[in-house]
Amino acid sequence: MANSYLNSRGSIEMEKTGGDYFEDLVSRSLFQDFRRDDEGNIISCKMHDIVHDLAQYLTKNECFIVEIDDEKEVRMASSFQKARHATLISARRVGFPSTIHNLKYLHTLFVARVVNLNTTAQPPPNLFKHLVCIFNSF
């Protein structure tokens, strides 16, 4: 829904449409290991390994994960420049790579810290001026 993959079907709410799509994928065994809440609603599941591998292959130039350390500057590969979704993982208190500004088509940026959970990653100044497709949720 957040990435505009769902089409509106008249007066039907997008949540209902998304739920219908999800149930269709469940019926085709694309998900497994379901956890349900007390009311029977699915709260988590895993994608089947084969489906996961296919999804990674199909999105190899649209999604990527980069681990950042403080020993070297991270260079975003040229294949990442048209990426829509990125995850930056840092084990220490390390800033954003300066090459993040090159990702002009980025829609989603997730920043994760493995250690030092009490620290927050501050985006570089004017980040959202360069990344015009991203939704600012900081």
Protein backbone atom coordinates (compact mmCIF):
# COMPACT_ATOMS: atom_id res chain seq x y z
CA MET A 1 0.00 0.00 0.00
CA ALA A 2 2.78 2.42 0.94
CA ASN A 3 4.56 1.83 -2.38
CA SER A 4 1.38 2.22 -4.46
CA TYR A 5 1.29 -1.42 -5.57
CA LEU A 6 -2.42 -1.74 -4.77
CA ASN A 7 -5.02 -0.40 -7.15
CA SER A 8 -8.17 1.08 -5.70
CA ARG A 9 -11.21 -1.06 -6.47
CA GLY A 10 -14.10 1.34 -6.28
CA SER A 11 -15.27 1.94 -2.73
CA ILE A 12 -13.31 -1.04 -1.30
CA GLU A 13 -10.66 0.10 1.19
CA MET A 14 -7.04 -0.51 0.27
CA GLU A 15 -6.54 -2.51 3.49
CA LYS A 16 -9.24 -4.95 2.31
CA THR A 17 -7.67 -5.19 -1.15
CA GLY A 18 -4.23 -5.82 0.39
CA GLY A 19 -5.72 -8.46 2.68
CA ASP A 20 -7.32 -10.19 -0.30
CA TYR A 21 -3.99 -10.21 -2.17
CA PHE A 22 -2.23 -11.60 0.90
CA GLU A 23 -4.82 -14.35 1.34
CA ASP A 24 -4.42 -15.27 -2.33
CA LEU A 25 -0.65 -15.61 -1.88
CA VAL A 26 -1.20 -17.68 1.28
CA SER A 27 -3.52 -20.04 -0.62
CA ARG A 28 -0.74 -20.54 -3.19
CA SER A 29 1.74 -21.58 -0.43
CA LEU A 30 4.07 -18.62 -0.92
CA PHE A 31 4.21 -18.04 2.85
CA GLN A 32 4.83 -20.39 5.76
CA ASP A 33 5.37 -20.49 9.56
CA PHE A 34 2.40 -18.33 10.47
CA ARG A 35 1.98 -16.78 13.91
CA ARG A 36 -1.49 -15.68 14.88
CA ASP A 37 -2.85 -13.45 17.62
CA ASP A 38 -5.60 -14.49 20.06
CA GLU A 39 -8.26 -13.54 17.51
CA GLY A 40 -6.74 -15.73 14.77
CA ASN A 41 -5.28 -12.86 12.74
CA ILE A 42 -1.91 -13.53 11.11
CA ILE A 43 0.70 -11.31 12.78
CA SER A 44 3.82 -12.72 11.13
CA CYS A 45 4.93 -15.25 8.57
CA LYS A 46 7.95 -16.21 6.50
CA MET A 47 8.33 -16.23 2.77
CA HIS A 48 9.11 -19.66 1.32
CA ASP A 49 12.86 -20.01 0.54
CA ILE A 50 12.34 -20.47 -3.18
CA VAL A 51 10.05 -17.44 -3.37
CA HIS A 52 12.57 -15.40 -1.34
CA ASP A 53 15.40 -16.34 -3.72
CA LEU A 54 13.26 -15.44 -6.74
CA ALA A 55 12.25 -12.10 -5.19
CA GLN A 56 15.89 -11.26 -4.47
CA TYR A 57 16.89 -12.14 -8.01
CA LEU A 58 14.10 -10.06 -9.55
CA THR A 59 14.82 -7.02 -7.37
CA LYS A 60 18.61 -7.14 -7.35
CA ASN A 61 18.89 -3.66 -8.86
CA GLU A 62 15.95 -2.18 -6.93
CA CYS A 63 16.70 -3.24 -3.35
CA PHE A 64 19.97 -3.53 -1.50
CA ILE A 65 21.50 -3.82 1.94
CA VAL A 66 24.82 -2.18 2.80
CA GLU A 67 26.81 -2.82 5.96
CA ILE A 68 28.73 0.26 7.04
CA ASP A 69 31.84 0.31 9.18
CA ASP A 70 33.99 3.26 10.20
CA GLU A 71 37.17 1.99 8.54
CA LYS A 72 36.31 2.93 4.98
CA GLU A 73 33.95 5.15 3.08
CA VAL A 74 31.07 3.25 1.56
CA ARG A 75 30.71 3.66 -2.19
CA MET A 76 27.34 2.88 -3.64
CA ALA A 77 27.77 0.69 -6.71
CA SER A 78 26.56 2.20 -9.98
CA SER A 79 23.93 -0.57 -10.16
CA PHE A 80 22.41 0.87 -6.97
CA GLN A 81 21.78 4.31 -8.46
CA LYS A 82 18.28 3.35 -9.66
CA ALA A 83 17.47 1.48 -6.45
CA ARG A 84 14.12 2.17 -4.81
CA HIS A 85 14.72 0.55 -1.42
CA ALA A 86 17.87 0.57 0.71
CA THR A 87 18.86 -0.68 4.13
CA LEU A 88 21.99 0.64 5.84
CA ILE A 89 23.31 -1.49 8.69
CA SER A 90 25.91 -0.10 11.06
CA ALA A 91 27.68 -1.93 13.88
CA ARG A 92 29.06 1.27 15.37
CA ARG A 93 28.18 4.92 15.53
CA VAL A 94 28.91 5.70 11.91
CA GLY A 95 27.32 8.41 9.82
CA PHE A 96 25.56 8.11 6.51
CA PRO A 97 27.82 7.51 3.49
CA SER A 98 28.20 10.67 1.42
CA THR A 99 27.32 8.72 -1.73
CA ILE A 100 23.74 8.30 -0.43
CA HIS A 101 22.90 11.49 -2.35
CA ASN A 102 23.40 9.59 -5.62
CA LEU A 103 20.32 7.42 -5.04
CA LYS A 104 17.86 9.70 -6.83
CA TYR A 105 15.06 7.11 -7.14
CA LEU A 106 15.11 5.94 -3.53
CA HIS A 107 11.62 5.52 -1.99
CA THR A 108 12.52 3.66 1.21
CA LEU A 109 15.56 4.11 3.46
CA PHE A 110 15.87 1.97 6.56
CA VAL A 111 18.79 2.57 8.92
CA ALA A 112 19.60 -0.15 11.44
CA ARG A 113 22.17 -0.29 14.21
CA VAL A 114 23.42 -3.63 15.48
CA VAL A 115 25.09 -2.20 18.61
CA ASN A 116 24.58 1.07 20.50
CA LEU A 117 20.82 0.94 20.28
CA ASN A 118 20.55 4.17 22.27
CA THR A 119 22.18 6.19 19.50
CA THR A 120 20.21 7.68 16.67
CA ALA A 121 21.37 8.10 13.12
CA GLN A 122 20.91 11.66 12.01
CA PRO A 123 20.48 12.13 8.28
CA PRO A 124 22.95 14.47 6.59
CA PRO A 125 21.79 18.03 6.01
CA ASN A 126 19.64 18.48 2.91
CA LEU A 127 19.31 14.70 2.41
CA PHE A 128 15.68 15.02 1.42
CA LYS A 129 16.48 17.84 -0.98
CA HIS A 130 18.57 15.31 -2.96
CA LEU A 131 16.33 12.27 -2.44
CA VAL A 132 13.13 13.73 -3.84
CA CYS A 133 11.25 10.39 -4.16
CA ILE A 134 11.63 9.40 -0.51
CA PHE A 135 8.97 10.01 2.10
CA ASN A 136 10.45 11.86 5.08
CA SER A 137 9.62 9.87 8.19
CA PHE A 138 12.45 11.02 10.48
